Amino acid sequence: MAYRASATRIDRDLELRGRILARAHARVVEGGFAALTMQALAEDVGIATGSLYRHFSGKGELAAEVFAQASQVEVNSLAGVLYGPGPAASRLAAGLRQFAARAWHSRQLAFALIAEPVDPQVDEQRLRYREAYAELFCRLLEEGQARGEFEVPSVPLAAACLVGAIAESLVGPLSPAARAERVSGLASDGLQAVSDSLVTFCLRALGASRSVQEDQP
């Protein structure tokens, strides 16, 4: 009987932890990591603030897990495109466009993951996931290099540059100021323009043939 009671409590704790993370993720989607406070989150979940500390040592640990879960979704989504069928250059272009589109449709979350000032624990996760993205690109670049689709002197360096190019190209359009301009109708660059520029830049930087570049929509 004691074992069954213990198992029941474990299940209840896991369910509560899942609800905490789900609501924390929703808060980041709505307002970034700045909107994620322990007191507000406790109210959302319907528990005492102290109960949160049974599951997370503080906001830093909680935010880091939210960041990791959200980032892993994006890594998996990108991998599904990069490792699909077709020429490596075409898969790269499709992956870049998909990544930009997903960011565009959840701008607050995307900005939070890419550039929002965060706790050191979240920054550690950000660096870890930049490495995860670079690993995805390394595999694709090695394949494209072997097929003669790309010409890069250093695959790891090129992969790191791709990660940087993606982040820097999106951080401006996803920023709070840019989102405000879109609401007011003053924004100049839309998703199509940003995606086209990003794809063109990356393919040229990797030495893709002009015919491959021209084939991109």
N, C-alpha and C. Protein backbone atom coordinates (compact mmCIF):
# COMPACT_ATOMS: atom_id res chain seq x y z
N MET A 1 0.84 -1.21 0.00
CA MET A 1 0.00 0.00 0.00
C MET A 1 0.87 1.26 0.00
N ALA A 2 1.95 1.23 0.76
CA ALA A 2 2.84 2.40 0.82
C ALA A 2 3.43 2.70 -0.54
N TYR A 3 3.81 1.64 -1.29
CA TYR A 3 4.39 1.82 -2.61
C TYR A 3 3.38 2.45 -3.56
N ARG A 4 2.12 1.98 -3.49
CA ARG A 4 1.09 2.51 -4.37
C ARG A 4 0.81 3.98 -4.07
N ALA A 5 0.83 4.34 -2.79
CA ALA A 5 0.62 5.75 -2.42
C ALA A 5 1.77 6.60 -2.95
N SER A 6 2.99 6.10 -2.84
CA SER A 6 4.15 6.83 -3.33
C SER A 6 4.07 7.01 -4.83
N ALA A 7 3.67 5.96 -5.56
CA ALA A 7 3.54 6.04 -7.01
C ALA A 7 2.49 7.06 -7.41
N THR A 8 1.40 7.10 -6.65
CA THR A 8 0.34 8.06 -6.94
C THR A 8 0.85 9.49 -6.77
N ARG A 9 1.61 9.70 -5.74
CA ARG A 9 2.15 11.04 -5.51
C ARG A 9 3.14 11.43 -6.61
N ILE A 10 3.96 10.48 -7.05
CA ILE A 10 4.90 10.76 -8.14
C ILE A 10 4.14 11.17 -9.39
N ASP A 11 3.09 10.42 -9.70
CA ASP A 11 2.28 10.75 -10.88
C ASP A 11 1.67 12.15 -10.75
N ARG A 12 1.19 12.47 -9.55
CA ARG A 12 0.58 13.78 -9.32
C ARG A 12 1.62 14.89 -9.46
N ASP A 13 2.82 14.65 -8.95
CA ASP A 13 3.88 15.65 -9.05
C ASP A 13 4.30 15.85 -10.51
N LEU A 14 4.37 14.77 -11.26
CA LEU A 14 4.75 14.88 -12.68
C LEU A 14 3.68 15.64 -13.47
N GLU A 15 2.43 15.38 -13.13
CA GLU A 15 1.34 16.09 -13.81
C GLU A 15 1.40 17.57 -13.50
N LEU A 16 1.65 17.92 -12.24
CA LEU A 16 1.74 19.32 -11.85
C LEU A 16 2.94 19.98 -12.52
N ARG A 17 4.06 19.28 -12.56
CA ARG A 17 5.26 19.83 -13.20
C ARG A 17 4.99 20.10 -14.68
N GLY A 18 4.26 19.20 -15.31
CA GLY A 18 3.91 19.40 -16.71
C GLY A 18 3.04 20.63 -16.90
N ARG A 19 2.08 20.84 -15.98
CA ARG A 19 1.22 22.01 -16.08
C ARG A 19 2.01 23.29 -15.86
N ILE A 20 2.95 23.25 -14.93
CA ILE A 20 3.80 24.42 -14.68
C ILE A 20 4.59 24.79 -15.92
N LEU A 21 5.20 23.80 -16.55
CA LEU A 21 6.01 24.06 -17.75
C LEU A 21 5.14 24.54 -18.91
N ALA A 22 3.95 23.97 -19.04
CA ALA A 22 3.06 24.38 -20.13
C ALA A 22 2.64 25.83 -19.96
N ARG A 23 2.31 26.21 -18.74
CA ARG A 23 1.87 27.59 -18.52
C ARG A 23 3.05 28.55 -18.61
N ALA A 24 4.23 28.09 -18.18
CA ALA A 24 5.43 28.92 -18.30
C ALA A 24 5.74 29.17 -19.78
N HIS A 25 5.62 28.13 -20.59
CA HIS A 25 5.83 28.28 -22.03
C HIS A 25 4.83 29.28 -22.61
N ALA A 26 3.57 29.18 -22.19
CA ALA A 26 2.55 30.11 -22.68
C ALA A 26 2.90 31.55 -22.32
N ARG A 27 3.43 31.75 -21.14
CA ARG A 27 3.81 33.10 -20.73
C ARG A 27 4.94 33.65 -21.61
N VAL A 28 5.91 32.80 -21.95
CA VAL A 28 7.01 33.24 -22.80
C VAL A 28 6.49 33.54 -24.21
N VAL A 29 5.57 32.73 -24.71
CA VAL A 29 4.97 32.98 -26.02
C VAL A 29 4.25 34.32 -26.03
N GLU A 30 3.60 34.64 -24.93
CA GLU A 30 2.82 35.88 -24.85
C GLU A 30 3.67 37.11 -24.59
N GLY A 31 4.69 36.99 -23.76
CA GLY A 31 5.43 38.19 -23.36
C GLY A 31 6.92 38.03 -23.20
N GLY A 32 7.47 36.91 -23.66
CA GLY A 32 8.89 36.70 -23.51
C GLY A 32 9.26 36.26 -22.10
N PHE A 33 10.55 36.05 -21.86
CA PHE A 33 10.99 35.60 -20.55
C PHE A 33 10.77 36.67 -19.47
N ALA A 34 10.65 37.92 -19.89
CA ALA A 34 10.37 38.98 -18.93
C ALA A 34 9.01 38.79 -18.26
N ALA A 35 8.09 38.13 -18.97
CA ALA A 35 6.74 37.91 -18.43
C ALA A 35 6.67 36.68 -17.53
N LEU A 36 7.79 35.96 -17.44
CA LEU A 36 7.80 34.73 -16.64
C LEU A 36 8.31 35.05 -15.23
N THR A 37 7.37 35.26 -14.31
CA THR A 37 7.72 35.47 -12.90
C THR A 37 7.10 34.35 -12.08
N MET A 38 7.74 34.00 -11.00
CA MET A 38 7.26 32.88 -10.20
C MET A 38 5.88 33.18 -9.60
N GLN A 39 5.67 34.41 -9.14
CA GLN A 39 4.38 34.73 -8.53
C GLN A 39 3.25 34.65 -9.55
N ALA A 40 3.45 35.26 -10.72
CA ALA A 40 2.40 35.24 -11.73
C ALA A 40 2.15 33.81 -12.23
N LEU A 41 3.22 33.05 -12.36
CA LEU A 41 3.07 31.68 -12.83
C LEU A 41 2.29 30.84 -11.82
N ALA A 42 2.58 31.02 -10.54
CA ALA A 42 1.86 30.29 -9.50
C ALA A 42 0.36 30.61 -9.57
N GLU A 43 0.03 31.87 -9.80
CA GLU A 43 -1.38 32.25 -9.93
C GLU A 43 -2.01 31.59 -11.15
N ASP A 44 -1.26 31.54 -12.25
CA ASP A 44 -1.78 30.89 -13.46
C ASP A 44 -2.10 29.42 -13.21
N VAL A 45 -1.20 28.75 -12.53
CA VAL A 45 -1.35 27.31 -12.30
C VAL A 45 -2.35 27.03 -11.18
N GLY A 46 -2.54 28.01 -10.30
CA GLY A 46 -3.47 27.83 -9.18
C GLY A 46 -2.84 27.17 -7.98
N ILE A 47 -1.57 27.48 -7.73
CA ILE A 47 -0.87 26.92 -6.58
C ILE A 47 -0.15 28.04 -5.83
N ALA A 48 0.32 27.74 -4.64
CA ALA A 48 1.10 28.72 -3.87
C ALA A 48 2.47 28.89 -4.52
N THR A 49 3.00 30.10 -4.43
CA THR A 49 4.31 30.35 -5.03
C THR A 49 5.36 29.40 -4.49
N GLY A 50 5.29 29.11 -3.19
CA GLY A 50 6.25 28.20 -2.59
C GLY A 50 6.23 26.81 -3.21
N SER A 51 5.07 26.40 -3.72
CA SER A 51 4.96 25.07 -4.32
C SER A 51 5.79 24.96 -5.59
N LEU A 52 6.01 26.08 -6.28
CA LEU A 52 6.84 26.05 -7.49
C LEU A 52 8.26 25.61 -7.16
N TYR A 53 8.73 26.00 -5.96
CA TYR A 53 10.11 25.71 -5.59
C TYR A 53 10.33 24.25 -5.21
N ARG A 54 9.26 23.49 -5.14
CA ARG A 54 9.41 22.04 -4.97
C ARG A 54 9.83 21.40 -6.28
N HIS A 55 9.57 22.09 -7.38
CA HIS A 55 9.87 21.54 -8.71
C HIS A 55 11.05 22.24 -9.39
N PHE A 56 11.26 23.52 -9.07
CA PHE A 56 12.33 24.30 -9.69
C PHE A 56 12.98 25.16 -8.62
N SER A 57 14.29 25.24 -8.67
CA SER A 57 15.02 26.00 -7.64
C SER A 57 14.78 27.50 -7.75
N GLY A 58 14.39 27.97 -8.91
CA GLY A 58 14.13 29.39 -9.13
C GLY A 58 13.76 29.65 -10.57
N LYS A 59 13.59 30.92 -10.91
CA LYS A 59 13.19 31.27 -12.26
C LYS A 59 14.24 30.84 -13.29
N GLY A 60 15.51 30.94 -12.93
CA GLY A 60 16.55 30.58 -13.89
C GLY A 60 16.44 29.15 -14.35
N GLU A 61 16.27 28.23 -13.43
CA GLU A 61 16.15 26.81 -13.79
C GLU A 61 14.88 26.57 -14.59
N LEU A 62 13.78 27.17 -14.16
CA LEU A 62 12.51 27.02 -14.87
C LEU A 62 12.61 27.56 -16.29
N ALA A 63 13.13 28.77 -16.43
CA ALA A 63 13.25 29.39 -17.76
C ALA A 63 14.17 28.59 -18.66
N ALA A 64 15.23 28.03 -18.09
CA ALA A 64 16.16 27.23 -18.88
C ALA A 64 15.47 25.99 -19.44
N GLU A 65 14.61 25.37 -18.65
CA GLU A 65 13.90 24.19 -19.15
C GLU A 65 12.88 24.57 -20.21
N VAL A 66 12.19 25.68 -20.01
CA VAL A 66 11.25 26.16 -21.03
C VAL A 66 12.00 26.43 -22.33
N PHE A 67 13.15 27.07 -22.22
CA PHE A 67 13.96 27.37 -23.39
C PHE A 67 14.38 26.09 -24.09
N ALA A 68 14.86 25.11 -23.32
CA ALA A 68 15.34 23.86 -23.91
C ALA A 68 14.21 23.13 -24.63
N GLN A 69 13.06 23.06 -24.03
CA GLN A 69 11.94 22.35 -24.65
C GLN A 69 11.51 23.03 -25.95
N ALA A 70 11.39 24.36 -25.91
CA ALA A 70 10.98 25.10 -27.11
C ALA A 70 12.03 25.00 -28.21
N SER A 71 13.29 25.07 -27.84
CA SER A 71 14.37 25.01 -28.83
C SER A 71 14.46 23.62 -29.46
N GLN A 72 14.24 22.58 -28.66
CA GLN A 72 14.32 21.22 -29.20
C GLN A 72 13.25 20.99 -30.26
N VAL A 73 12.09 21.59 -30.06
CA VAL A 73 11.03 21.50 -31.08
C VAL A 73 11.52 22.08 -32.40
N GLU A 74 12.20 23.23 -32.34
CA GLU A 74 12.68 23.88 -33.55
C GLU A 74 13.82 23.08 -34.19
N VAL A 75 14.71 22.53 -33.38
CA VAL A 75 15.79 21.71 -33.91
C VAL A 75 15.22 20.49 -34.64
N ASN A 76 14.25 19.83 -34.02
CA ASN A 76 13.65 18.65 -34.65
C ASN A 76 12.93 19.01 -35.94
N SER A 77 12.25 20.15 -35.95
CA SER A 77 11.53 20.59 -37.14
C SER A 77 12.50 20.87 -38.28
N LEU A 78 13.60 21.55 -37.97
CA LEU A 78 14.59 21.87 -38.99
C LEU A 78 15.27 20.59 -39.50
N ALA A 79 15.58 19.68 -38.60
CA ALA A 79 16.22 18.42 -39.00
C ALA A 79 15.34 17.65 -39.97
N GLY A 80 14.04 17.69 -39.77
CA GLY A 80 13.13 16.98 -40.65
C GLY A 80 13.22 17.46 -42.09
N VAL A 81 13.54 18.73 -42.28
CA VAL A 81 13.68 19.28 -43.63
C VAL A 81 15.09 19.05 -44.17
N LEU A 82 16.09 19.35 -43.36
CA LEU A 82 17.47 19.24 -43.82
C LEU A 82 17.85 17.81 -44.18
N TYR A 83 17.25 16.83 -43.53
CA TYR A 83 17.62 15.44 -43.77
C TYR A 83 16.59 14.72 -44.63
N GLY A 84 15.79 15.47 -45.35
CA GLY A 84 14.81 14.88 -46.26
C GLY A 84 15.42 14.56 -47.61
N PRO A 85 14.60 14.27 -48.61
CA PRO A 85 15.10 13.94 -49.94
C PRO A 85 15.46 15.18 -50.74
N GLY A 86 16.21 14.98 -51.82
CA GLY A 86 16.54 16.08 -52.73
C GLY A 86 17.94 16.59 -52.57
N PRO A 87 18.35 17.51 -53.45
CA PRO A 87 19.69 18.11 -53.37
C PRO A 87 19.91 18.82 -52.03
N ALA A 88 21.13 18.81 -51.57
CA ALA A 88 21.45 19.45 -50.29
C ALA A 88 21.13 20.93 -50.31
N ALA A 89 21.43 21.60 -51.42
CA ALA A 89 21.18 23.05 -51.51
C ALA A 89 19.69 23.35 -51.42
N SER A 90 18.87 22.52 -52.05
CA SER A 90 17.42 22.73 -52.00
C SER A 90 16.89 22.50 -50.60
N ARG A 91 17.43 21.49 -49.92
CA ARG A 91 17.00 21.22 -48.54
C ARG A 91 17.42 22.35 -47.61
N LEU A 92 18.61 22.90 -47.86
CA LEU A 92 19.05 24.03 -47.04
C LEU A 92 18.11 25.21 -47.22
N ALA A 93 17.80 25.53 -48.47
CA ALA A 93 16.90 26.65 -48.74
C ALA A 93 15.54 26.43 -48.10
N ALA A 94 15.02 25.20 -48.22
CA ALA A 94 13.71 24.89 -47.63
C ALA A 94 13.77 24.99 -46.11
N GLY A 95 14.87 24.53 -45.52
CA GLY A 95 15.01 24.61 -44.08
C GLY A 95 15.07 26.04 -43.58
N LEU A 96 15.80 26.89 -44.30
CA LEU A 96 15.90 28.30 -43.92
C LEU A 96 14.53 28.98 -44.01
N ARG A 97 13.81 28.68 -45.08
CA ARG A 97 12.48 29.29 -45.24
C ARG A 97 11.51 28.81 -44.16
N GLN A 98 11.58 27.52 -43.83
CA GLN A 98 10.69 27.01 -42.79
C GLN A 98 11.03 27.62 -41.44
N PHE A 99 12.32 27.71 -41.13
CA PHE A 99 12.74 28.28 -39.85
C PHE A 99 12.24 29.71 -39.73
N ALA A 100 12.42 30.49 -40.80
CA ALA A 100 11.98 31.89 -40.77
C ALA A 100 10.46 31.98 -40.63
N ALA A 101 9.74 31.11 -41.32
CA ALA A 101 8.28 31.14 -41.26
C ALA A 101 7.78 30.79 -39.86
N ARG A 102 8.39 29.78 -39.24
CA ARG A 102 7.98 29.41 -37.89
C ARG A 102 8.27 30.55 -36.91
N ALA A 103 9.40 31.21 -37.10
CA ALA A 103 9.72 32.35 -36.24
C ALA A 103 8.71 33.48 -36.45
N TRP A 104 8.35 33.70 -37.71
CA TRP A 104 7.44 34.80 -38.05
C TRP A 104 6.06 34.60 -37.42
N HIS A 105 5.64 33.34 -37.34
CA HIS A 105 4.30 33.06 -36.83
C HIS A 105 4.25 32.97 -35.31
N SER A 106 5.41 33.06 -34.65
CA SER A 106 5.45 33.13 -33.20
C SER A 106 6.59 34.07 -32.83
N ARG A 107 6.41 35.35 -33.20
CA ARG A 107 7.50 36.32 -33.14
C ARG A 107 8.04 36.54 -31.73
N GLN A 108 7.13 36.62 -30.77
CA GLN A 108 7.56 36.87 -29.40
C GLN A 108 8.43 35.72 -28.89
N LEU A 109 7.98 34.50 -29.12
CA LEU A 109 8.75 33.33 -28.69
C LEU A 109 10.08 33.26 -29.42
N ALA A 110 10.05 33.49 -30.73
CA ALA A 110 11.28 33.41 -31.52
C ALA A 110 12.30 34.44 -31.04
N PHE A 111 11.85 35.66 -30.79
CA PHE A 111 12.77 36.69 -30.30
C PHE A 111 13.32 36.30 -28.93
N ALA A 112 12.46 35.73 -28.09
CA ALA A 112 12.91 35.30 -26.76
C ALA A 112 14.00 34.25 -26.87
N LEU A 113 13.84 33.32 -27.81
CA LEU A 113 14.82 32.25 -27.97
C LEU A 113 16.11 32.75 -28.60
N ILE A 114 16.00 33.73 -29.49
CA ILE A 114 17.18 34.17 -30.24
C ILE A 114 17.96 35.28 -29.53
N ALA A 115 17.25 36.27 -28.98
CA ALA A 115 17.99 37.47 -28.58
C ALA A 115 17.57 38.14 -27.28
N GLU A 116 16.47 37.75 -26.67
CA GLU A 116 16.04 38.46 -25.47
C GLU A 116 17.08 38.30 -24.34
N PRO A 117 17.41 39.38 -23.64
CA PRO A 117 18.29 39.25 -22.48
C PRO A 117 17.69 38.28 -21.46
N VAL A 118 18.50 37.33 -20.99
CA VAL A 118 17.97 36.26 -20.15
C VAL A 118 18.92 35.95 -19.00
N ASP A 119 18.45 35.09 -18.10
CA ASP A 119 19.28 34.62 -16.99
C ASP A 119 20.45 33.80 -17.52
N PRO A 120 21.55 33.75 -16.75
CA PRO A 120 22.72 32.96 -17.18
C PRO A 120 22.40 31.51 -17.50
N GLN A 121 21.47 30.91 -16.75
CA GLN A 121 21.12 29.51 -17.02
C GLN A 121 20.46 29.35 -18.38
N VAL A 122 19.70 30.35 -18.78
CA VAL A 122 19.08 30.31 -20.10
C VAL A 122 20.13 30.56 -21.17
N ASP A 123 21.06 31.45 -20.90
CA ASP A 123 22.14 31.72 -21.85
C ASP A 123 22.95 30.45 -22.12
N GLU A 124 23.14 29.63 -21.10
CA GLU A 124 23.85 28.37 -21.29
C GLU A 124 23.09 27.48 -22.27
N GLN A 125 21.78 27.44 -22.14
CA GLN A 125 20.97 26.65 -23.06
C GLN A 125 21.02 27.24 -24.47
N ARG A 126 21.06 28.55 -24.55
CA ARG A 126 21.11 29.20 -25.87
C ARG A 126 22.39 28.79 -26.60
N LEU A 127 23.50 28.79 -25.90
CA LEU A 127 24.76 28.36 -26.52
C LEU A 127 24.70 26.89 -26.91
N ARG A 128 24.12 26.07 -26.06
CA ARG A 128 24.02 24.63 -26.33
C ARG A 128 23.21 24.39 -27.60
N TYR A 129 22.14 25.14 -27.76
CA TYR A 129 21.30 24.91 -28.94
C TYR A 129 21.86 25.55 -30.20
N ARG A 130 22.65 26.58 -30.06
CA ARG A 130 23.37 27.07 -31.23
C ARG A 130 24.30 25.98 -31.75
N GLU A 131 24.91 25.26 -30.84
CA GLU A 131 25.77 24.14 -31.24
C GLU A 131 24.95 23.03 -31.88
N ALA A 132 23.74 22.80 -31.38
CA ALA A 132 22.89 21.76 -31.95
C ALA A 132 22.50 22.11 -33.38
N TYR A 133 22.18 23.39 -33.62
CA TYR A 133 21.87 23.81 -34.99
C TYR A 133 23.10 23.66 -35.88
N ALA A 134 24.26 24.03 -35.37
CA ALA A 134 25.48 23.92 -36.16
C ALA A 134 25.76 22.48 -36.55
N GLU A 135 25.48 21.55 -35.64
CA GLU A 135 25.68 20.13 -35.96
C GLU A 135 24.76 19.69 -37.10
N LEU A 136 23.53 20.19 -37.11
CA LEU A 136 22.62 19.87 -38.21
C LEU A 136 23.20 20.34 -39.54
N PHE A 137 23.70 21.57 -39.54
CA PHE A 137 24.24 22.13 -40.78
C PHE A 137 25.53 21.42 -41.20
N CYS A 138 26.33 21.01 -40.23
CA CYS A 138 27.58 20.30 -40.57
C CYS A 138 27.29 19.06 -41.40
N ARG A 139 26.34 18.29 -40.97
CA ARG A 139 26.00 17.05 -41.69
C ARG A 139 25.53 17.35 -43.10
N LEU A 140 24.69 18.38 -43.24
CA LEU A 140 24.18 18.74 -44.56
C LEU A 140 25.30 19.28 -45.45
N LEU A 141 26.16 20.11 -44.88
CA LEU A 141 27.25 20.69 -45.66
C LEU A 141 28.24 19.62 -46.12
N GLU A 142 28.51 18.66 -45.26
CA GLU A 142 29.41 17.57 -45.66
C GLU A 142 28.83 16.80 -46.84
N GLU A 143 27.53 16.57 -46.78
CA GLU A 143 26.87 15.87 -47.88
C GLU A 143 26.91 16.70 -49.15
N GLY A 144 26.58 17.99 -49.04
CA GLY A 144 26.59 18.86 -50.21
C GLY A 144 27.99 19.05 -50.78
N GLN A 145 28.97 19.10 -49.90
CA GLN A 145 30.36 19.23 -50.34
C GLN A 145 30.77 17.99 -51.14
N ALA A 146 30.40 16.82 -50.66
CA ALA A 146 30.75 15.57 -51.34
C ALA A 146 30.09 15.48 -52.71
N ARG A 147 28.92 16.09 -52.85
CA ARG A 147 28.20 16.06 -54.13
C ARG A 147 28.61 17.19 -55.06
N GLY A 148 29.47 18.06 -54.58
CA GLY A 148 29.89 19.19 -55.40
C GLY A 148 28.91 20.34 -55.41
N GLU A 149 27.97 20.36 -54.48
CA GLU A 149 26.98 21.43 -54.43
C GLU A 149 27.49 22.65 -53.69
N PHE A 150 28.39 22.45 -52.73
CA PHE A 150 28.95 23.54 -51.95
C PHE A 150 30.47 23.55 -52.06
N GLU A 151 31.04 24.72 -51.84
CA GLU A 151 32.49 24.87 -51.79
C GLU A 151 32.84 25.69 -50.56
N VAL A 152 33.21 24.99 -49.50
CA VAL A 152 33.57 25.68 -48.25
C VAL A 152 34.88 25.11 -47.74
N PRO A 153 35.80 25.96 -47.31
CA PRO A 153 37.10 25.47 -46.81
C PRO A 153 37.00 24.76 -45.47
N SER A 154 36.02 25.13 -44.66
CA SER A 154 35.86 24.53 -43.34
C SER A 154 34.38 24.33 -43.06
N VAL A 155 33.95 23.09 -43.01
CA VAL A 155 32.53 22.81 -42.76
C VAL A 155 32.09 23.30 -41.39
N PRO A 156 32.82 23.00 -40.31
CA PRO A 156 32.39 23.50 -38.99
C PRO A 156 32.27 25.03 -38.93
N LEU A 157 33.22 25.72 -39.55
CA LEU A 157 33.17 27.18 -39.55
C LEU A 157 31.98 27.68 -40.35
N ALA A 158 31.75 27.07 -41.52
CA ALA A 158 30.61 27.46 -42.35
C ALA A 158 29.30 27.21 -41.62
N ALA A 159 29.21 26.09 -40.91
CA ALA A 159 27.99 25.78 -40.16
C ALA A 159 27.74 26.81 -39.07
N ALA A 160 28.80 27.19 -38.36
CA ALA A 160 28.66 28.21 -37.33
C ALA A 160 28.23 29.54 -37.92
N CYS A 161 28.76 29.86 -39.09
CA CYS A 161 28.39 31.11 -39.77
C CYS A 161 26.92 31.09 -40.19
N LEU A 162 26.43 29.93 -40.61
CA LEU A 162 25.02 29.82 -40.97
C LEU A 162 24.14 30.12 -39.77
N VAL A 163 24.49 29.54 -38.63
CA VAL A 163 23.70 29.79 -37.41
C VAL A 163 23.69 31.28 -37.09
N GLY A 164 24.85 31.91 -37.19
CA GLY A 164 24.93 33.35 -36.92
C GLY A 164 24.14 34.17 -37.91
N ALA A 165 24.21 33.79 -39.18
CA ALA A 165 23.49 34.54 -40.22
C ALA A 165 21.98 34.46 -40.01
N ILE A 166 21.51 33.29 -39.65
CA ILE A 166 20.07 33.11 -39.43
C ILE A 166 19.62 33.98 -38.26
N ALA A 167 20.35 33.89 -37.15
CA ALA A 167 19.96 34.66 -35.97
C ALA A 167 19.98 36.16 -36.24
N GLU A 168 21.06 36.63 -36.85
CA GLU A 168 21.20 38.07 -37.08
C GLU A 168 20.19 38.59 -38.10
N SER A 169 19.84 37.77 -39.07
CA SER A 169 18.88 38.22 -40.09
C SER A 169 17.47 38.34 -39.52
N LEU A 170 17.17 37.57 -38.49
CA LEU A 170 15.82 37.56 -37.93
C LEU A 170 15.65 38.44 -36.71
N VAL A 171 16.74 38.71 -35.99
CA VAL A 171 16.59 39.43 -34.73
C VAL A 171 15.99 40.82 -34.93
N GLY A 172 16.38 41.51 -35.99
CA GLY A 172 15.81 42.83 -36.25
C GLY A 172 14.33 42.77 -36.56
N PRO A 173 13.91 41.98 -37.57
CA PRO A 173 12.49 41.87 -37.91
C PRO A 173 11.62 41.34 -36.78
N LEU A 174 12.21 40.54 -35.87
CA LEU A 174 11.41 39.97 -34.78
C LEU A 174 11.42 40.84 -33.52
N SER A 175 12.20 41.89 -33.52
CA SER A 175 12.35 42.72 -32.33
C SER A 175 11.04 43.42 -31.96
N PRO A 176 10.90 43.82 -30.70
CA PRO A 176 9.68 44.53 -30.29
C PRO A 176 9.40 45.77 -31.15
N ALA A 177 10.45 46.50 -31.53
CA ALA A 177 10.25 47.71 -32.34
C ALA A 177 9.68 47.35 -33.70
N ALA A 178 10.19 46.26 -34.31
CA ALA A 178 9.70 45.85 -35.62
C ALA A 178 8.27 45.35 -35.52
N ARG A 179 7.95 44.64 -34.45
CA ARG A 179 6.58 44.16 -34.27
C ARG A 179 5.62 45.33 -34.12
N ALA A 180 6.05 46.39 -33.45
CA ALA A 180 5.22 47.58 -33.30
C ALA A 180 4.98 48.24 -34.65
N GLU A 181 6.00 48.24 -35.51
CA GLU A 181 5.84 48.83 -36.84
C GLU A 181 4.84 48.03 -37.68
N ARG A 182 4.83 46.72 -37.51
CA ARG A 182 3.88 45.91 -38.26
C ARG A 182 2.46 46.20 -37.81
N VAL A 183 2.29 46.36 -36.51
CA VAL A 183 0.96 46.67 -36.00
C VAL A 183 0.46 47.99 -36.57
N SER A 184 1.38 48.95 -36.71
CA SER A 184 1.00 50.27 -37.22
C SER A 184 1.00 50.33 -38.75
N GLY A 185 1.43 49.24 -39.40
CA GLY A 185 1.46 49.21 -40.86
C GLY A 185 2.67 49.87 -41.47
N LEU A 186 3.72 50.13 -40.68
CA LEU A 186 4.90 50.83 -41.18
C LEU A 186 6.07 49.90 -41.50
N ALA A 187 5.91 48.60 -41.28
CA ALA A 187 7.02 47.67 -41.50
C ALA A 187 7.36 47.60 -42.99
N SER A 188 8.67 47.52 -43.28
CA SER A 188 9.12 47.50 -44.67
C SER A 188 9.40 46.09 -45.18
N ASP A 189 10.00 45.24 -44.35
CA ASP A 189 10.38 43.90 -44.77
C ASP A 189 9.43 42.86 -44.20
N GLY A 190 8.82 42.07 -45.10
CA GLY A 190 7.96 40.99 -44.68
C GLY A 190 8.70 39.68 -44.71
N LEU A 191 7.99 38.61 -44.39
CA LEU A 191 8.59 37.28 -44.34
C LEU A 191 9.23 36.89 -45.66
N GLN A 192 8.56 37.15 -46.77
CA GLN A 192 9.09 36.74 -48.07
C GLN A 192 10.42 37.43 -48.36
N ALA A 193 10.48 38.72 -48.10
CA ALA A 193 11.70 39.47 -48.38
C ALA A 193 12.86 38.99 -47.51
N VAL A 194 12.59 38.79 -46.23
CA VAL A 194 13.65 38.34 -45.33
C VAL A 194 14.11 36.94 -45.71
N SER A 195 13.17 36.04 -46.01
CA SER A 195 13.52 34.67 -46.38
C SER A 195 14.33 34.65 -47.67
N ASP A 196 13.91 35.42 -48.66
CA ASP A 196 14.64 35.45 -49.93
C ASP A 196 16.08 35.92 -49.73
N SER A 197 16.23 36.98 -48.96
CA SER A 197 17.57 37.52 -48.72
C SER A 197 18.44 36.53 -47.95
N LEU A 198 17.85 35.87 -46.97
CA LEU A 198 18.60 34.91 -46.16
C LEU A 198 19.06 33.72 -47.02
N VAL A 199 18.16 33.19 -47.83
CA VAL A 199 18.49 32.04 -48.68
C VAL A 199 19.57 32.43 -49.69
N THR A 200 19.41 33.57 -50.33
CA THR A 200 20.39 34.01 -51.33
C THR A 200 21.76 34.20 -50.70
N PHE A 201 21.81 34.85 -49.56
CA PHE A 201 23.09 35.08 -48.88
C PHE A 201 23.77 33.76 -48.53
N CYS A 202 23.03 32.85 -47.92
CA CYS A 202 23.62 31.59 -47.47
C CYS A 202 24.10 30.74 -48.63
N LEU A 203 23.33 30.64 -49.70
CA LEU A 203 23.75 29.84 -50.84
C LEU A 203 25.00 30.42 -51.49
N ARG A 204 25.04 31.73 -51.60
CA ARG A 204 26.23 32.36 -52.18
C ARG A 204 27.45 32.17 -51.28
N ALA A 205 27.25 32.28 -49.99
CA ALA A 205 28.36 32.12 -49.06
C ALA A 205 28.93 30.71 -49.09
N LEU A 206 28.09 29.74 -49.43
CA LEU A 206 28.53 28.35 -49.48
C LEU A 206 29.05 27.94 -50.85
N GLY A 207 29.09 28.89 -51.78
CA GLY A 207 29.61 28.59 -53.10
C GLY A 207 28.69 27.75 -53.96
N ALA A 208 27.38 27.79 -53.67
CA ALA A 208 26.43 27.05 -54.50
C ALA A 208 26.44 27.63 -55.91
N SER A 209 26.23 26.78 -56.89
CA SER A 209 26.26 27.22 -58.28
C SER A 209 25.15 28.23 -58.54
N ARG A 210 25.35 29.09 -59.52
CA ARG A 210 24.34 30.10 -59.85
C ARG A 210 23.03 29.45 -60.27
N SER A 211 23.11 28.32 -60.96
CA SER A 211 21.89 27.65 -61.41
C SER A 211 21.05 27.20 -60.21
N VAL A 212 21.74 26.72 -59.15
CA VAL A 212 21.02 26.32 -57.94
C VAL A 212 20.38 27.53 -57.28
N GLN A 213 21.11 28.64 -57.24
CA GLN A 213 20.56 29.85 -56.64
C GLN A 213 19.33 30.34 -57.41
N GLU A 214 19.40 30.27 -58.72
CA GLU A 214 18.30 30.77 -59.54
C GLU A 214 17.08 29.87 -59.47
N ASP A 215 17.28 28.60 -59.10
CA ASP A 215 16.15 27.66 -59.00
C ASP A 215 15.31 27.89 -57.76
N GLN A 216 15.85 28.65 -56.81
CA GLN A 216 15.11 28.86 -55.56
C GLN A 216 13.94 29.82 -55.80
N PRO A 217 12.75 29.46 -55.25
CA PRO A 217 11.58 30.32 -55.43
C PRO A 217 11.74 31.65 -54.70
